[in-house]
Amino acid sequence: MEKYTCPCCGYKTLEEGTRDSYEICKVCYWEDDFVQNEDPDFEGGANEVSLRQAQRNFKIYGASEERFKDSVVEPSLGGYEKDENFKPL
């Protein structure tokens, strides 16, 4: 099954490539949200923090928010690959 890139962490974890699936990434715990994909500085909606802030948080905590750091899966343990074309905001 093809996996799609999470807009927060850049790992191929999502099963739907629609950008509005509300799937939760197992690597960073970002919830895929159309509004936040269109406006990466929007805070609220499916995620409390903006996509831009979630990307920063992922670098620091390994999760989209510090409170999720114990809920995420290590990419190598989950068999998730980084999208080589992913570029953070």
PDB file of N, CA and C in Angstrom:
ATOM      1  N   MET A   1       0.845  -1.181   0.000  1.00  0.00           N
ATOM      2  CA  MET A   1       0.000   0.000   0.000  1.00  0.00           C
ATOM      3  C   MET A   1       0.894   1.249   0.000  1.00  0.00           C
ATOM      4  N   GLU A   2       0.568   2.175  -0.865  1.00  0.00           N
ATOM      5  CA  GLU A   2       1.335   3.417  -0.948  1.00  0.00           C
ATOM      6  C   GLU A   2       1.065   4.296   0.270  1.00  0.00           C
ATOM      7  N   LYS A   3       2.125   4.913   0.777  1.00  0.00           N
ATOM      8  CA  LYS A   3       2.009   5.839   1.910  1.00  0.00           C
ATOM      9  C   LYS A   3       2.304   7.248   1.411  1.00  0.00           C
ATOM     10  N   TYR A   4       1.676   8.217   2.061  1.00  0.00           N
ATOM     11  CA  TYR A   4       1.835   9.617   1.688  1.00  0.00           C
ATOM     12  C   TYR A   4       2.559  10.374   2.799  1.00  0.00           C
ATOM     13  N   THR A   5       3.182  11.463   2.417  1.00  0.00           N
ATOM     14  CA  THR A   5       4.054  12.211   3.314  1.00  0.00           C
ATOM     15  C   THR A   5       3.280  13.072   4.298  1.00  0.00           C
ATOM     16  N   CYS A   6       3.655  12.958   5.555  1.00  0.00           N
ATOM     17  CA  CYS A   6       3.098  13.824   6.591  1.00  0.00           C
ATOM     18  C   CYS A   6       3.679  15.226   6.404  1.00  0.00           C
ATOM     19  N   PRO A   7       2.846  16.266   6.402  1.00  0.00           N
ATOM     20  CA  PRO A   7       3.345  17.624   6.200  1.00  0.00           C
ATOM     21  C   PRO A   7       4.116  18.180   7.395  1.00  0.00           C
ATOM     22  N   CYS A   8       4.080  17.483   8.507  1.00  0.00           N
ATOM     23  CA  CYS A   8       4.803  17.944   9.691  1.00  0.00           C
ATOM     24  C   CYS A   8       6.210  17.347   9.757  1.00  0.00           C
ATOM     25  N   CYS A   9       6.315  16.023   9.762  1.00  0.00           N
ATOM     26  CA  CYS A   9       7.614  15.372   9.968  1.00  0.00           C
ATOM     27  C   CYS A   9       8.308  14.942   8.683  1.00  0.00           C
ATOM     28  N   GLY A  10       7.553  14.796   7.591  1.00  0.00           N
ATOM     29  CA  GLY A  10       8.158  14.402   6.325  1.00  0.00           C
ATOM     30  C   GLY A  10       8.283  12.903   6.126  1.00  0.00           C
ATOM     31  N   TYR A  11       7.744  12.113   7.047  1.00  0.00           N
ATOM     32  CA  TYR A  11       7.777  10.665   6.882  1.00  0.00           C
ATOM     33  C   TYR A  11       6.524  10.204   6.150  1.00  0.00           C
ATOM     34  N   LYS A  12       6.668   9.132   5.398  1.00  0.00           N
ATOM     35  CA  LYS A  12       5.551   8.570   4.638  1.00  0.00           C
ATOM     36  C   LYS A  12       4.741   7.669   5.566  1.00  0.00           C
ATOM     37  N   THR A  13       3.717   8.269   6.188  1.00  0.00           N
ATOM     38  CA  THR A  13       2.915   7.552   7.179  1.00  0.00           C
ATOM     39  C   THR A  13       1.427   7.559   6.871  1.00  0.00           C
ATOM     40  N   LEU A  14       0.975   8.452   6.019  1.00  0.00           N
ATOM     41  CA  LEU A  14      -0.462   8.633   5.789  1.00  0.00           C
ATOM     42  C   LEU A  14      -0.960   7.715   4.681  1.00  0.00           C
ATOM     43  N   GLU A  15      -2.142   7.167   4.866  1.00  0.00           N
ATOM     44  CA  GLU A  15      -2.704   6.234   3.892  1.00  0.00           C
ATOM     45  C   GLU A  15      -3.530   6.917   2.820  1.00  0.00           C
ATOM     46  N   GLU A  16      -3.977   8.131   3.085  1.00  0.00           N
ATOM     47  CA  GLU A  16      -4.745   8.883   2.096  1.00  0.00           C
ATOM     48  C   GLU A  16      -3.933  10.108   1.690  1.00  0.00           C
ATOM     49  N   GLY A  17      -3.876  10.395   0.437  1.00  0.00           N
ATOM     50  CA  GLY A  17      -3.107  11.534  -0.045  1.00  0.00           C
ATOM     51  C   GLY A  17      -3.954  12.760  -0.296  1.00  0.00           C
ATOM     52  N   THR A  18      -5.005  12.943   0.484  1.00  0.00           N
ATOM     53  CA  THR A  18      -5.972  13.993   0.190  1.00  0.00           C
ATOM     54  C   THR A  18      -5.698  15.324   0.883  1.00  0.00           C
ATOM     55  N   ARG A  19      -4.859  15.347   1.906  1.00  0.00           N
ATOM     56  CA  ARG A  19      -4.547  16.551   2.698  1.00  0.00           C
ATOM     57  C   ARG A  19      -5.726  17.041   3.526  1.00  0.00           C
ATOM     58  N   ASP A  20      -6.747  16.215   3.645  1.00  0.00           N
ATOM     59  CA  ASP A  20      -7.877  16.563   4.515  1.00  0.00           C
ATOM     60  C   ASP A  20      -8.455  15.300   5.152  1.00  0.00           C
ATOM     61  N   SER A  21      -7.610  14.330   5.368  1.00  0.00           N
ATOM     62  CA  SER A  21      -8.072  13.021   5.836  1.00  0.00           C
ATOM     63  C   SER A  21      -8.266  12.954   7.346  1.00  0.00           C
ATOM     64  N   TYR A  22      -7.691  13.889   8.056  1.00  0.00           N
ATOM     65  CA  TYR A  22      -7.706  13.890   9.528  1.00  0.00           C
ATOM     66  C   TYR A  22      -7.055  12.639  10.107  1.00  0.00           C
ATOM     67  N   GLU A  23      -6.173  12.022   9.313  1.00  0.00           N
ATOM     68  CA  GLU A  23      -5.369  10.911   9.823  1.00  0.00           C
ATOM     69  C   GLU A  23      -4.338  11.467  10.799  1.00  0.00           C
ATOM     70  N   ILE A  24      -3.963  10.668  11.759  1.00  0.00           N
ATOM     71  CA  ILE A  24      -2.924  11.067  12.706  1.00  0.00           C
ATOM     72  C   ILE A  24      -1.647  10.321  12.358  1.00  0.00           C
ATOM     73  N   CYS A  25      -0.587  11.077  12.162  1.00  0.00           N
ATOM     74  CA  CYS A  25       0.720  10.509  11.837  1.00  0.00           C
ATOM     75  C   CYS A  25       1.261   9.776  13.062  1.00  0.00           C
ATOM     76  N   LYS A  26       1.697   8.557  12.860  1.00  0.00           N
ATOM     77  CA  LYS A  26       2.228   7.768  13.969  1.00  0.00           C
ATOM     78  C   LYS A  26       3.634   8.217  14.376  1.00  0.00           C
ATOM     79  N   VAL A  27       4.352   8.889  13.478  1.00  0.00           N
ATOM     80  CA  VAL A  27       5.720   9.329  13.771  1.00  0.00           C
ATOM     81  C   VAL A  27       5.750  10.627  14.561  1.00  0.00           C
ATOM     82  N   CYS A  28       4.836  11.565  14.276  1.00  0.00           N
ATOM     83  CA  CYS A  28       4.878  12.868  14.967  1.00  0.00           C
ATOM     84  C   CYS A  28       3.572  13.246  15.660  1.00  0.00           C
ATOM     85  N   TYR A  29       2.519  12.507  15.392  1.00  0.00           N
ATOM     86  CA  TYR A  29       1.190  12.712  15.985  1.00  0.00           C
ATOM     87  C   TYR A  29       0.478  13.957  15.455  1.00  0.00           C
ATOM     88  N   TRP A  30       0.869  14.433  14.282  1.00  0.00           N
ATOM     89  CA  TRP A  30       0.176  15.533  13.610  1.00  0.00           C
ATOM     90  C   TRP A  30      -1.102  14.981  12.997  1.00  0.00           C
ATOM     91  N   GLU A  31      -2.209  15.713  13.150  1.00  0.00           N
ATOM     92  CA  GLU A  31      -3.464  15.317  12.516  1.00  0.00           C
ATOM     93  C   GLU A  31      -3.611  16.087  11.216  1.00  0.00           C
ATOM     94  N   ASP A  32      -3.682  15.363  10.108  1.00  0.00           N
ATOM     95  CA  ASP A  32      -3.752  15.974   8.784  1.00  0.00           C
ATOM     96  C   ASP A  32      -5.029  16.810   8.667  1.00  0.00           C
ATOM     97  N   ASP A  33      -4.868  18.097   8.377  1.00  0.00           N
ATOM     98  CA  ASP A  33      -5.986  19.050   8.399  1.00  0.00           C
ATOM     99  C   ASP A  33      -5.874  19.981   7.198  1.00  0.00           C
ATOM    100  N   PHE A  34      -6.911  20.022   6.375  1.00  0.00           N
ATOM    101  CA  PHE A  34      -6.908  20.847   5.164  1.00  0.00           C
ATOM    102  C   PHE A  34      -6.615  22.311   5.471  1.00  0.00           C
ATOM    103  N   VAL A  35      -7.274  22.878   6.478  1.00  0.00           N
ATOM    104  CA  VAL A  35      -7.103  24.301   6.800  1.00  0.00           C
ATOM    105  C   VAL A  35      -5.650  24.599   7.146  1.00  0.00           C
ATOM    106  N   GLN A  36      -5.049  23.766   7.974  1.00  0.00           N
ATOM    107  CA  GLN A  36      -3.669  24.010   8.382  1.00  0.00           C
ATOM    108  C   GLN A  36      -2.680  23.697   7.265  1.00  0.00           C
ATOM    109  N   ASN A  37      -3.040  22.816   6.354  1.00  0.00           N
ATOM    110  CA  ASN A  37      -2.187  22.585   5.187  1.00  0.00           C
ATOM    111  C   ASN A  37      -2.199  23.799   4.263  1.00  0.00           C
ATOM    112  N   GLU A  38      -3.343  24.457   4.155  1.00  0.00           N
ATOM    113  CA  GLU A  38      -3.461  25.651   3.313  1.00  0.00           C
ATOM    114  C   GLU A  38      -2.865  26.888   3.984  1.00  0.00           C
ATOM    115  N   ASP A  39      -2.954  26.968   5.303  1.00  0.00           N
ATOM    116  CA  ASP A  39      -2.433  28.106   6.070  1.00  0.00           C
ATOM    117  C   ASP A  39      -1.564  27.562   7.198  1.00  0.00           C
ATOM    118  N   PRO A  40      -0.261  27.380   6.947  1.00  0.00           N
ATOM    119  CA  PRO A  40       0.621  26.743   7.927  1.00  0.00           C
ATOM    120  C   PRO A  40       0.837  27.537   9.212  1.00  0.00           C
ATOM    121  N   ASP A  41       0.327  28.760   9.281  1.00  0.00           N
ATOM    122  CA  ASP A  41       0.450  29.557  10.501  1.00  0.00           C
ATOM    123  C   ASP A  41      -0.835  29.563  11.326  1.00  0.00           C
ATOM    124  N   PHE A  42      -1.868  28.868  10.839  1.00  0.00           N
ATOM    125  CA  PHE A  42      -3.149  28.819  11.545  1.00  0.00           C
ATOM    126  C   PHE A  42      -3.032  27.921  12.773  1.00  0.00           C
ATOM    127  N   GLU A  43      -3.415  28.447  13.923  1.00  0.00           N
ATOM    128  CA  GLU A  43      -3.431  27.668  15.165  1.00  0.00           C
ATOM    129  C   GLU A  43      -4.875  27.330  15.500  1.00  0.00           C
ATOM    130  N   GLY A  44      -5.148  26.081  15.732  1.00  0.00           N
ATOM    131  CA  GLY A  44      -6.507  25.644  16.028  1.00  0.00           C
ATOM    132  C   GLY A  44      -6.948  24.613  15.024  1.00  0.00           C
ATOM    133  N   GLY A  45      -8.198  24.273  15.059  1.00  0.00           N
ATOM    134  CA  GLY A  45      -8.685  23.224  14.175  1.00  0.00           C
ATOM    135  C   GLY A  45      -8.303  21.868  14.733  1.00  0.00           C
ATOM    136  N   ALA A  46      -7.833  20.994  13.879  1.00  0.00           N
ATOM    137  CA  ALA A  46      -7.490  19.641  14.305  1.00  0.00           C
ATOM    138  C   ALA A  46      -6.281  19.609  15.241  1.00  0.00           C
ATOM    139  N   ASN A  47      -5.408  20.595  15.128  1.00  0.00           N
ATOM    140  CA  ASN A  47      -4.196  20.664  15.948  1.00  0.00           C
ATOM    141  C   ASN A  47      -4.160  21.993  16.687  1.00  0.00           C
ATOM    142  N   GLU A  48      -3.688  21.980  17.911  1.00  0.00           N
ATOM    143  CA  GLU A  48      -3.626  23.222  18.689  1.00  0.00           C
ATOM    144  C   GLU A  48      -2.556  24.174  18.173  1.00  0.00           C
ATOM    145  N   VAL A  49      -1.452  23.613  17.675  1.00  0.00           N
ATOM    146  CA  VAL A  49      -0.360  24.450  17.181  1.00  0.00           C
ATOM    147  C   VAL A  49      -0.419  24.530  15.664  1.00  0.00           C
ATOM    148  N   SER A  50       0.233  25.537  15.107  1.00  0.00           N
ATOM    149  CA  SER A  50       0.298  25.679  13.653  1.00  0.00           C
ATOM    150  C   SER A  50       1.220  24.609  13.073  1.00  0.00           C
ATOM    151  N   LEU A  51       1.107  24.372  11.784  1.00  0.00           N
ATOM    152  CA  LEU A  51       1.988  23.426  11.106  1.00  0.00           C
ATOM    153  C   LEU A  51       3.434  23.887  11.218  1.00  0.00           C
ATOM    154  N   ARG A  52       3.664  25.168  11.069  1.00  0.00           N
ATOM    155  CA  ARG A  52       5.024  25.709  11.171  1.00  0.00           C
ATOM    156  C   ARG A  52       5.620  25.416  12.557  1.00  0.00           C
ATOM    157  N   GLN A  53       4.830  25.653  13.611  1.00  0.00           N
ATOM    158  CA  GLN A  53       5.307  25.387  14.975  1.00  0.00           C
ATOM    159  C   GLN A  53       5.469  23.890  15.210  1.00  0.00           C
ATOM    160  N   ALA A  54       4.575  23.092  14.664  1.00  0.00           N
ATOM    161  CA  ALA A  54       4.667  21.636  14.820  1.00  0.00           C
ATOM    162  C   ALA A  54       5.956  21.102  14.199  1.00  0.00           C
ATOM    163  N   GLN A  55       6.365  21.660  13.060  1.00  0.00           N
ATOM    164  CA  GLN A  55       7.629  21.243  12.451  1.00  0.00           C
ATOM    165  C   GLN A  55       8.805  21.588  13.360  1.00  0.00           C
ATOM    166  N   ARG A  56       8.768  22.762  13.973  1.00  0.00           N
ATOM    167  CA  ARG A  56       9.824  23.139  14.930  1.00  0.00           C
ATOM    168  C   ARG A  56       9.818  22.182  16.119  1.00  0.00           C
ATOM    169  N   ASN A  57       8.622  21.901  16.628  1.00  0.00           N
ATOM    170  CA  ASN A  57       8.498  20.996  17.769  1.00  0.00           C
ATOM    171  C   ASN A  57       9.040  19.613  17.443  1.00  0.00           C
ATOM    172  N   PHE A  58       8.808  19.145  16.218  1.00  0.00           N
ATOM    173  CA  PHE A  58       9.291  17.820  15.835  1.00  0.00           C
ATOM    174  C   PHE A  58      10.813  17.752  15.922  1.00  0.00           C
ATOM    175  N   LYS A  59      11.476  18.816  15.538  1.00  0.00           N
ATOM    176  CA  LYS A  59      12.943  18.851  15.635  1.00  0.00           C
ATOM    177  C   LYS A  59      13.409  18.794  17.089  1.00  0.00           C
ATOM    178  N   ILE A  60      12.645  19.401  17.977  1.00  0.00           N
ATOM    179  CA  ILE A  60      13.027  19.470  19.392  1.00  0.00           C
ATOM    180  C   ILE A  60      12.596  18.223  20.168  1.00  0.00           C
ATOM    181  N   TYR A  61      11.325  17.846  20.035  1.00  0.00           N
ATOM    182  CA  TYR A  61      10.735  16.790  20.864  1.00  0.00           C
ATOM    183  C   TYR A  61      10.554  15.449  20.155  1.00  0.00           C
ATOM    184  N   GLY A  62      10.642  15.464  18.819  1.00  0.00           N
ATOM    185  CA  GLY A  62      10.336  14.248  18.076  1.00  0.00           C
ATOM    186  C   GLY A  62       8.842  14.010  17.952  1.00  0.00           C
ATOM    187  N   ALA A  63       8.051  15.074  18.178  1.00  0.00           N
ATOM    188  CA  ALA A  63       6.588  15.015  18.082  1.00  0.00           C
ATOM    189  C   ALA A  63       6.077  16.405  17.735  1.00  0.00           C
ATOM    190  N   SER A  64       4.870  16.473  17.206  1.00  0.00           N
ATOM    191  CA  SER A  64       4.306  17.768  16.806  1.00  0.00           C
ATOM    192  C   SER A  64       4.070  18.690  17.998  1.00  0.00           C
ATOM    193  N   GLU A  65       3.868  18.102  19.161  1.00  0.00           N
ATOM    194  CA  GLU A  65       3.741  18.854  20.413  1.00  0.00           C
ATOM    195  C   GLU A  65       4.448  18.057  21.502  1.00  0.00           C
ATOM    196  N   GLU A  66       5.015  18.748  22.473  1.00  0.00           N
ATOM    197  CA  GLU A  66       5.738  18.068  23.552  1.00  0.00           C
ATOM    198  C   GLU A  66       4.865  17.025  24.244  1.00  0.00           C
ATOM    199  N   ARG A  67       3.584  17.322  24.398  1.00  0.00           N
ATOM    200  CA  ARG A  67       2.690  16.406  25.120  1.00  0.00           C
ATOM    201  C   ARG A  67       2.487  15.071  24.405  1.00  0.00           C
ATOM    202  N   PHE A  68       2.864  14.982  23.134  1.00  0.00           N
ATOM    203  CA  PHE A  68       2.700  13.742  22.376  1.00  0.00           C
ATOM    204  C   PHE A  68       3.981  12.919  22.271  1.00  0.00           C
ATOM    205  N   LYS A  69       5.062  13.368  22.878  1.00  0.00           N
ATOM    206  CA  LYS A  69       6.349  12.696  22.659  1.00  0.00           C
ATOM    207  C   LYS A  69       6.368  11.240  23.123  1.00  0.00           C
ATOM    208  N   ASP A  70       5.499  10.878  24.057  1.00  0.00           N
ATOM    209  CA  ASP A  70       5.432   9.483  24.499  1.00  0.00           C
ATOM    210  C   ASP A  70       4.438   8.654  23.683  1.00  0.00           C
ATOM    211  N   SER A  71       3.760   9.273  22.728  1.00  0.00           N
ATOM    212  CA  SER A  71       2.746   8.579  21.922  1.00  0.00           C
ATOM    213  C   SER A  71       3.237   8.210  20.529  1.00  0.00           C
ATOM    214  N   VAL A  72       4.385   8.723  20.136  1.00  0.00           N
ATOM    215  CA  VAL A  72       4.859   8.535  18.764  1.00  0.00           C
ATOM    216  C   VAL A  72       5.672   7.249  18.614  1.00  0.00           C
ATOM    217  N   VAL A  73       5.832   6.831  17.364  1.00  0.00           N
ATOM    218  CA  VAL A  73       6.587   5.633  17.015  1.00  0.00           C
ATOM    219  C   VAL A  73       7.896   6.063  16.364  1.00  0.00           C
ATOM    220  N   GLU A  74       8.985   5.450  16.762  1.00  0.00           N
ATOM    221  CA  GLU A  74      10.279   5.683  16.109  1.00  0.00           C
ATOM    222  C   GLU A  74      10.142   5.232  14.654  1.00  0.00           C
ATOM    223  N   PRO A  75      10.497   6.108  13.684  1.00  0.00           N
ATOM    224  CA  PRO A  75      10.285   5.767  12.269  1.00  0.00           C
ATOM    225  C   PRO A  75      10.873   4.420  11.860  1.00  0.00           C
ATOM    226  N   SER A  76      12.079   4.114  12.311  1.00  0.00           N
ATOM    227  CA  SER A  76      12.705   2.853  11.906  1.00  0.00           C
ATOM    228  C   SER A  76      11.958   1.646  12.481  1.00  0.00           C
ATOM    229  N   LEU A  77      11.395   1.790  13.675  1.00  0.00           N
ATOM    230  CA  LEU A  77      10.644   0.685  14.284  1.00  0.00           C
ATOM    231  C   LEU A  77       9.311   0.460  13.584  1.00  0.00           C
ATOM    232  N   GLY A  78       8.726   1.534  13.056  1.00  0.00           N
ATOM    233  CA  GLY A  78       7.456   1.417  12.349  1.00  0.00           C
ATOM    234  C   GLY A  78       7.621   1.132  10.870  1.00  0.00           C
ATOM    235  N   GLY A  79       8.864   1.119  10.396  1.00  0.00           N
ATOM    236  CA  GLY A  79       9.118   0.873   8.980  1.00  0.00           C
ATOM    237  C   GLY A  79       8.780   2.055   8.090  1.00  0.00           C
ATOM    238  N   TYR A  80       8.808   3.263   8.663  1.00  0.00           N
ATOM    239  CA  TYR A  80       8.452   4.460   7.906  1.00  0.00           C
ATOM    240  C   TYR A  80       9.690   5.090   7.290  1.00  0.00           C
ATOM    241  N   GLU A  81       9.556   5.511   6.045  1.00  0.00           N
ATOM    242  CA  GLU A  81      10.657   6.139   5.320  1.00  0.00           C
ATOM    243  C   GLU A  81      10.453   7.638   5.236  1.00  0.00           C
ATOM    244  N   LYS A  82      11.546   8.375   5.290  1.00  0.00           N
ATOM    245  CA  LYS A  82      11.510   9.824   5.115  1.00  0.00           C
ATOM    246  C   LYS A  82      11.341  10.107   3.621  1.00  0.00           C
ATOM    247  N   ASP A  83      10.495  11.048   3.292  1.00  0.00           N
ATOM    248  CA  ASP A  83      10.321  11.478   1.906  1.00  0.00           C
ATOM    249  C   ASP A  83      11.540  12.309   1.535  1.00  0.00           C
ATOM    250  N   GLU A  84      12.318  11.836   0.595  1.00  0.00           N
ATOM    251  CA  GLU A  84      13.559  12.528   0.225  1.00  0.00           C
ATOM    252  C   GLU A  84      13.310  13.909  -0.373  1.00  0.00           C
ATOM    253  N   ASN A  85      12.094  14.189  -0.811  1.00  0.00           N
ATOM    254  CA  ASN A  85      11.757  15.494  -1.387  1.00  0.00           C
ATOM    255  C   ASN A  85      11.111  16.444  -0.381  1.00  0.00           C
ATOM    256  N   PHE A  86      10.930  15.993   0.868  1.00  0.00           N
ATOM    257  CA  PHE A  86      10.280  16.822   1.887  1.00  0.00           C
ATOM    258  C   PHE A  86      11.163  17.996   2.273  1.00  0.00           C
ATOM    259  N   LYS A  87      10.550  19.176   2.303  1.00  0.00           N
ATOM    260  CA  LYS A  87      11.235  20.382   2.750  1.00  0.00           C
ATOM    261  C   LYS A  87      10.334  21.067   3.770  1.00  0.00           C
ATOM    262  N   PRO A  88      10.818  21.224   5.018  1.00  0.00           N
ATOM    263  CA  PRO A  88      10.002  21.932   6.012  1.00  0.00           C
ATOM    264  C   PRO A  88       9.780  23.380   5.595  1.00  0.00           C
ATOM    265  N   LEU A  89       8.799  23.998   6.200  1.00  0.00           N
ATOM    266  CA  LEU A  89       8.475  25.394   5.888  1.00  0.00           C
ATOM    267  C   LEU A  89       9.612  26.308   6.291  1.00  0.00           C
TER     268      LEU A  89
END
